[in-house]
């Protein structure tokens, strides 16, 4: 945090920790650190939060919401400090080509349930074996318009 501040930055994005199966982890530096502890560290540093990045976007069997449980924990302890939440496009490991159509309204309703925050859906590339809600830019834009949310273009996802 000190290096970020010394570099002249005022705002940061918090990317939540998430373990993706057995092969990889996202935001490993936050493993075993609770959302409440993370928010305290940021506050003590003097930096501000620009966005909270929801963990993942992978819809697993039995998962009810596109929103991670930890996102609600971040909001419980830092709602006034988090102006924007970014979500990956929901995607699921399935060969069911109709899954995106059936899940589209569920995801939209979930995202609309978060009040008083800027909500962004982020582009995601297609992954082999996964069905994605909106992999194509036009579909992503339509989903955003349908649900009165914004689009966040992560250029690293095109690498």
C-alpha atoms as a PDB file:
ATOM      1  CA  UNK A   1       0.000   0.000   0.000  1.00  0.00           C
ATOM      2  CA  UNK A   2       2.883   2.342   0.779  1.00  0.00           C
ATOM      3  CA  UNK A   3       4.376   1.821  -2.692  1.00  0.00           C
ATOM      4  CA  UNK A   4       1.042   2.508  -4.347  1.00  0.00           C
ATOM      5  CA  UNK A   5       0.630   5.714  -2.379  1.00  0.00           C
ATOM      6  CA  UNK A   6       4.230   6.832  -3.009  1.00  0.00           C
ATOM      7  CA  UNK A   7       3.637   6.326  -6.730  1.00  0.00           C
ATOM      8  CA  UNK A   8       0.950   8.995  -6.505  1.00  0.00           C
ATOM      9  CA  UNK A   9      -2.163   6.867  -6.647  1.00  0.00           C
ATOM     10  CA  UNK A  10      -5.189   7.814  -4.580  1.00  0.00           C
ATOM     11  CA  UNK A  11      -7.577   4.991  -5.497  1.00  0.00           C
ATOM     12  CA  UNK A  12      -7.318   1.217  -5.788  1.00  0.00           C
ATOM     13  CA  UNK A  13      -9.484  -1.658  -6.940  1.00  0.00           C
ATOM     14  CA  UNK A  14      -9.948  -4.506  -4.507  1.00  0.00           C
ATOM     15  CA  UNK A  15      -9.937  -7.820  -6.356  1.00  0.00           C
ATOM     16  CA  UNK A  16     -11.403 -10.464  -4.071  1.00  0.00           C
ATOM     17  CA  UNK A  17      -9.629 -13.746  -3.374  1.00  0.00           C
ATOM     18  CA  UNK A  18     -11.095 -16.741  -5.183  1.00  0.00           C
ATOM     19  CA  UNK A  19      -9.857 -20.284  -5.753  1.00  0.00           C
ATOM     20  CA  UNK A  20     -10.703 -21.542  -9.232  1.00  0.00           C
ATOM     21  CA  UNK A  21     -10.864 -25.298  -8.887  1.00  0.00           C
ATOM     22  CA  UNK A  22      -7.508 -26.971  -8.245  1.00  0.00           C
ATOM     23  CA  UNK A  23      -5.503 -25.083 -10.811  1.00  0.00           C
ATOM     24  CA  UNK A  24      -5.371 -21.384  -9.905  1.00  0.00           C
ATOM     25  CA  UNK A  25      -6.202 -18.658  -7.455  1.00  0.00           C
ATOM     26  CA  UNK A  26      -7.164 -15.028  -7.944  1.00  0.00           C
ATOM     27  CA  UNK A  27      -5.760 -12.302  -5.629  1.00  0.00           C
ATOM     28  CA  UNK A  28      -3.600 -14.760  -3.685  1.00  0.00           C
ATOM     29  CA  UNK A  29      -2.296 -11.951  -1.478  1.00  0.00           C
ATOM     30  CA  UNK A  30      -5.741 -11.786   0.183  1.00  0.00           C
ATOM     31  CA  UNK A  31      -5.985 -15.502   0.980  1.00  0.00           C
ATOM     32  CA  UNK A  32      -7.020 -15.930   4.633  1.00  0.00           C
ATOM     33  CA  UNK A  33      -7.641 -12.178   5.047  1.00  0.00           C
ATOM     34  CA  UNK A  34     -11.273 -11.330   5.724  1.00  0.00           C
ATOM     35  CA  UNK A  35     -13.104  -8.557   3.878  1.00  0.00           C
ATOM     36  CA  UNK A  36     -13.309  -6.604   7.137  1.00  0.00           C
ATOM     37  CA  UNK A  37      -9.533  -6.867   7.629  1.00  0.00           C
ATOM     38  CA  UNK A  38      -8.904  -5.891   3.990  1.00  0.00           C
ATOM     39  CA  UNK A  39     -11.075  -2.798   4.329  1.00  0.00           C
ATOM     40  CA  UNK A  40      -9.259  -1.812   7.530  1.00  0.00           C
ATOM     41  CA  UNK A  41      -5.872  -2.149   5.788  1.00  0.00           C
ATOM     42  CA  UNK A  42      -7.030   0.068   2.930  1.00  0.00           C
ATOM     43  CA  UNK A  43      -8.485   2.653   5.298  1.00  0.00           C
ATOM     44  CA  UNK A  44      -5.305   2.754   7.404  1.00  0.00           C
ATOM     45  CA  UNK A  45      -3.225   3.274   4.244  1.00  0.00           C
ATOM     46  CA  UNK A  46      -5.091   6.457   3.369  1.00  0.00           C
ATOM     47  CA  UNK A  47      -5.993   5.104  -0.077  1.00  0.00           C
ATOM     48  CA  UNK A  48      -9.584   5.083  -1.325  1.00  0.00           C
ATOM     49  CA  UNK A  49     -11.475   2.329  -3.098  1.00  0.00           C
ATOM     50  CA  UNK A  50     -12.501   2.987  -6.684  1.00  0.00           C
ATOM     51  CA  UNK A  51     -14.009  -0.453  -7.279  1.00  0.00           C
ATOM     52  CA  UNK A  52     -14.608  -3.774  -5.633  1.00  0.00           C
ATOM     53  CA  UNK A  53     -14.101  -6.616  -8.096  1.00  0.00           C
ATOM     54  CA  UNK A  54     -16.408  -9.529  -7.367  1.00  0.00           C
ATOM     55  CA  UNK A  55     -14.570 -12.839  -7.276  1.00  0.00           C
ATOM     56  CA  UNK A  56     -14.962 -15.002 -10.292  1.00  0.00           C
ATOM     57  CA  UNK A  57     -18.129 -15.153 -12.299  1.00  0.00           C
ATOM     58  CA  UNK A  58     -18.037 -18.908 -12.679  1.00  0.00           C
ATOM     59  CA  UNK A  59     -21.470 -20.323 -11.937  1.00  0.00           C
ATOM     60  CA  UNK A  60     -21.019 -23.720 -10.368  1.00  0.00           C
ATOM     61  CA  UNK A  61     -23.720 -26.343  -9.932  1.00  0.00           C
ATOM     62  CA  UNK A  62     -25.961 -25.367  -7.047  1.00  0.00           C
ATOM     63  CA  UNK A  63     -24.741 -21.773  -6.972  1.00  0.00           C
ATOM     64  CA  UNK A  64     -27.711 -19.474  -6.707  1.00  0.00           C
ATOM     65  CA  UNK A  65     -26.227 -16.065  -7.454  1.00  0.00           C
ATOM     66  CA  UNK A  66     -23.725 -14.381  -9.734  1.00  0.00           C
ATOM     67  CA  UNK A  67     -22.737 -12.349  -6.662  1.00  0.00           C
ATOM     68  CA  UNK A  68     -20.094 -13.895  -4.403  1.00  0.00           C
ATOM     69  CA  UNK A  69     -20.920 -14.196  -0.698  1.00  0.00           C
ATOM     70  CA  UNK A  70     -17.782 -12.197   0.111  1.00  0.00           C
ATOM     71  CA  UNK A  71     -19.137  -9.247  -1.883  1.00  0.00           C
ATOM     72  CA  UNK A  72     -21.970  -8.973   0.625  1.00  0.00           C
ATOM     73  CA  UNK A  73     -19.422  -9.129   3.444  1.00  0.00           C
ATOM     74  CA  UNK A  74     -17.437  -6.270   1.873  1.00  0.00           C
ATOM     75  CA  UNK A  75     -20.647  -4.267   1.607  1.00  0.00           C
ATOM     76  CA  UNK A  76     -21.565  -5.048   5.208  1.00  0.00           C
ATOM     77  CA  UNK A  77     -18.331  -3.512   6.518  1.00  0.00           C
ATOM     78  CA  UNK A  78     -17.503  -0.936   3.850  1.00  0.00           C
ATOM     79  CA  UNK A  79     -20.640   0.098   1.999  1.00  0.00           C
ATOM     80  CA  UNK A  80     -19.893   3.810   2.315  1.00  0.00           C
ATOM     81  CA  UNK A  81     -16.332   3.279   1.009  1.00  0.00           C
ATOM     82  CA  UNK A  82     -17.225   1.241  -2.112  1.00  0.00           C
ATOM     83  CA  UNK A  83     -18.766   3.286  -4.945  1.00  0.00           C
ATOM     84  CA  UNK A  84     -18.579   0.658  -7.700  1.00  0.00           C
ATOM     85  CA  UNK A  85     -18.705  -3.135  -8.008  1.00  0.00           C
ATOM     86  CA  UNK A  86     -17.375  -4.952 -11.072  1.00  0.00           C
ATOM     87  CA  UNK A  87     -18.592  -8.426 -12.026  1.00  0.00           C
ATOM     88  CA  UNK A  88     -17.207 -10.837 -14.603  1.00  0.00           C
ATOM     89  CA  UNK A  89     -19.686 -12.034 -17.181  1.00  0.00           C
ATOM     90  CA  UNK A  90     -21.307 -15.144 -15.673  1.00  0.00           C
ATOM     91  CA  UNK A  91     -20.028 -18.339 -17.266  1.00  0.00           C
ATOM     92  CA  UNK A  92     -20.555 -22.013 -16.502  1.00  0.00           C
ATOM     93  CA  UNK A  93     -18.776 -25.215 -17.449  1.00  0.00           C
ATOM     94  CA  UNK A  94     -21.513 -26.856 -19.474  1.00  0.00           C
ATOM     95  CA  UNK A  95     -22.280 -28.139 -22.927  1.00  0.00           C
ATOM     96  CA  UNK A  96     -25.845 -26.796 -22.610  1.00  0.00           C
ATOM     97  CA  UNK A  97     -25.921 -24.088 -25.264  1.00  0.00           C
ATOM     98  CA  UNK A  98     -29.222 -22.716 -23.857  1.00  0.00           C
ATOM     99  CA  UNK A  99     -27.759 -22.054 -20.399  1.00  0.00           C
ATOM    100  CA  UNK A 100     -26.960 -18.377 -21.113  1.00  0.00           C
ATOM    101  CA  UNK A 101     -30.562 -17.709 -22.146  1.00  0.00           C
ATOM    102  CA  UNK A 102     -32.001 -19.335 -19.032  1.00  0.00           C
ATOM    103  CA  UNK A 103     -29.509 -17.664 -16.664  1.00  0.00           C
ATOM    104  CA  UNK A 104     -29.696 -14.169 -18.183  1.00  0.00           C
ATOM    105  CA  UNK A 105     -32.695 -12.979 -16.134  1.00  0.00           C
ATOM    106  CA  UNK A 106     -31.323 -14.532 -12.917  1.00  0.00           C
ATOM    107  CA  UNK A 107     -28.045 -12.631 -13.306  1.00  0.00           C
ATOM    108  CA  UNK A 108     -29.852  -9.403 -14.168  1.00  0.00           C
ATOM    109  CA  UNK A 109     -32.110  -9.640 -11.127  1.00  0.00           C
ATOM    110  CA  UNK A 110     -29.138 -10.371  -8.867  1.00  0.00           C
ATOM    111  CA  UNK A 111     -27.251  -7.316 -10.074  1.00  0.00           C
ATOM    112  CA  UNK A 112     -30.302  -5.060  -9.770  1.00  0.00           C
ATOM    113  CA  UNK A 113     -30.635  -6.092  -6.118  1.00  0.00           C
ATOM    114  CA  UNK A 114     -27.508  -4.132  -5.168  1.00  0.00           C
ATOM    115  CA  UNK A 115     -28.665  -0.597  -4.476  1.00  0.00           C
ATOM    116  CA  UNK A 116     -26.799   2.709  -4.413  1.00  0.00           C
ATOM    117  CA  UNK A 117     -23.698   1.397  -6.208  1.00  0.00           C
ATOM    118  CA  UNK A 118     -22.402   1.705  -9.726  1.00  0.00           C
ATOM    119  CA  UNK A 119     -22.613  -1.815 -11.142  1.00  0.00           C
ATOM    120  CA  UNK A 120     -20.391  -2.869 -14.044  1.00  0.00           C
ATOM    121  CA  UNK A 121     -20.250  -6.106 -15.970  1.00  0.00           C
ATOM    122  CA  UNK A 122     -16.815  -6.931 -17.337  1.00  0.00           C
ATOM    123  CA  UNK A 123     -15.919  -8.505 -20.650  1.00  0.00           C
ATOM    124  CA  UNK A 124     -14.672 -12.078 -20.549  1.00  0.00           C
ATOM    125  CA  UNK A 125     -13.187 -14.196 -23.300  1.00  0.00           C
ATOM    126  CA  UNK A 126     -14.756 -17.508 -24.239  1.00  0.00           C
ATOM    127  CA  UNK A 127     -13.277 -20.510 -22.447  1.00  0.00           C
ATOM    128  CA  UNK A 128     -13.396 -23.947 -24.004  1.00  0.00           C
ATOM    129  CA  UNK A 129     -16.130 -26.033 -22.407  1.00  0.00           C
ATOM    130  CA  UNK A 130     -17.841 -22.998 -20.844  1.00  0.00           C
ATOM    131  CA  UNK A 131     -21.029 -21.228 -21.861  1.00  0.00           C
ATOM    132  CA  UNK A 132     -20.898 -17.492 -21.200  1.00  0.00           C
ATOM    133  CA  UNK A 133     -23.787 -15.129 -20.700  1.00  0.00           C
ATOM    134  CA  UNK A 134     -22.319 -12.510 -23.043  1.00  0.00           C
ATOM    135  CA  UNK A 135     -18.930 -13.101 -24.665  1.00  0.00           C
ATOM    136  CA  UNK A 136     -19.524 -10.888 -27.669  1.00  0.00           C
ATOM    137  CA  UNK A 137     -19.364  -7.092 -27.230  1.00  0.00           C
ATOM    138  CA  UNK A 138     -22.836  -6.525 -28.709  1.00  0.00           C
ATOM    139  CA  UNK A 139     -24.397  -9.109 -26.364  1.00  0.00           C
ATOM    140  CA  UNK A 140     -22.569  -7.592 -23.395  1.00  0.00           C
ATOM    141  CA  UNK A 141     -23.848  -4.135 -24.264  1.00  0.00           C
ATOM    142  CA  UNK A 142     -27.415  -5.435 -24.640  1.00  0.00           C
ATOM    143  CA  UNK A 143     -27.210  -7.143 -21.238  1.00  0.00           C
ATOM    144  CA  UNK A 144     -25.969  -3.890 -19.676  1.00  0.00           C
ATOM    145  CA  UNK A 145     -28.737  -1.829 -21.271  1.00  0.00           C
ATOM    146  CA  UNK A 146     -31.420  -4.369 -20.264  1.00  0.00           C
ATOM    147  CA  UNK A 147     -30.310  -4.152 -16.634  1.00  0.00           C
ATOM    148  CA  UNK A 148     -29.352  -0.475 -16.389  1.00  0.00           C
ATOM    149  CA  UNK A 149     -25.738  -1.252 -15.523  1.00  0.00           C
ATOM    150  CA  UNK A 150     -22.404  -0.260 -17.050  1.00  0.00           C
ATOM    151  CA  UNK A 151     -19.742  -2.130 -18.999  1.00  0.00           C
ATOM    152  CA  UNK A 152     -16.141  -2.323 -17.801  1.00  0.00           C
ATOM    153  CA  UNK A 153     -13.687  -3.261 -20.562  1.00  0.00           C
ATOM    154  CA  UNK A 154     -10.683  -5.094 -19.112  1.00  0.00           C
ATOM    155  CA  UNK A 155      -8.156  -4.962 -21.933  1.00  0.00           C
ATOM    156  CA  UNK A 156      -6.040  -7.726 -20.342  1.00  0.00           C
ATOM    157  CA  UNK A 157      -8.892 -10.159 -21.040  1.00  0.00           C
ATOM    158  CA  UNK A 158      -8.113  -9.795 -24.744  1.00  0.00           C
ATOM    159  CA  UNK A 159      -4.490 -10.888 -24.294  1.00  0.00           C
END
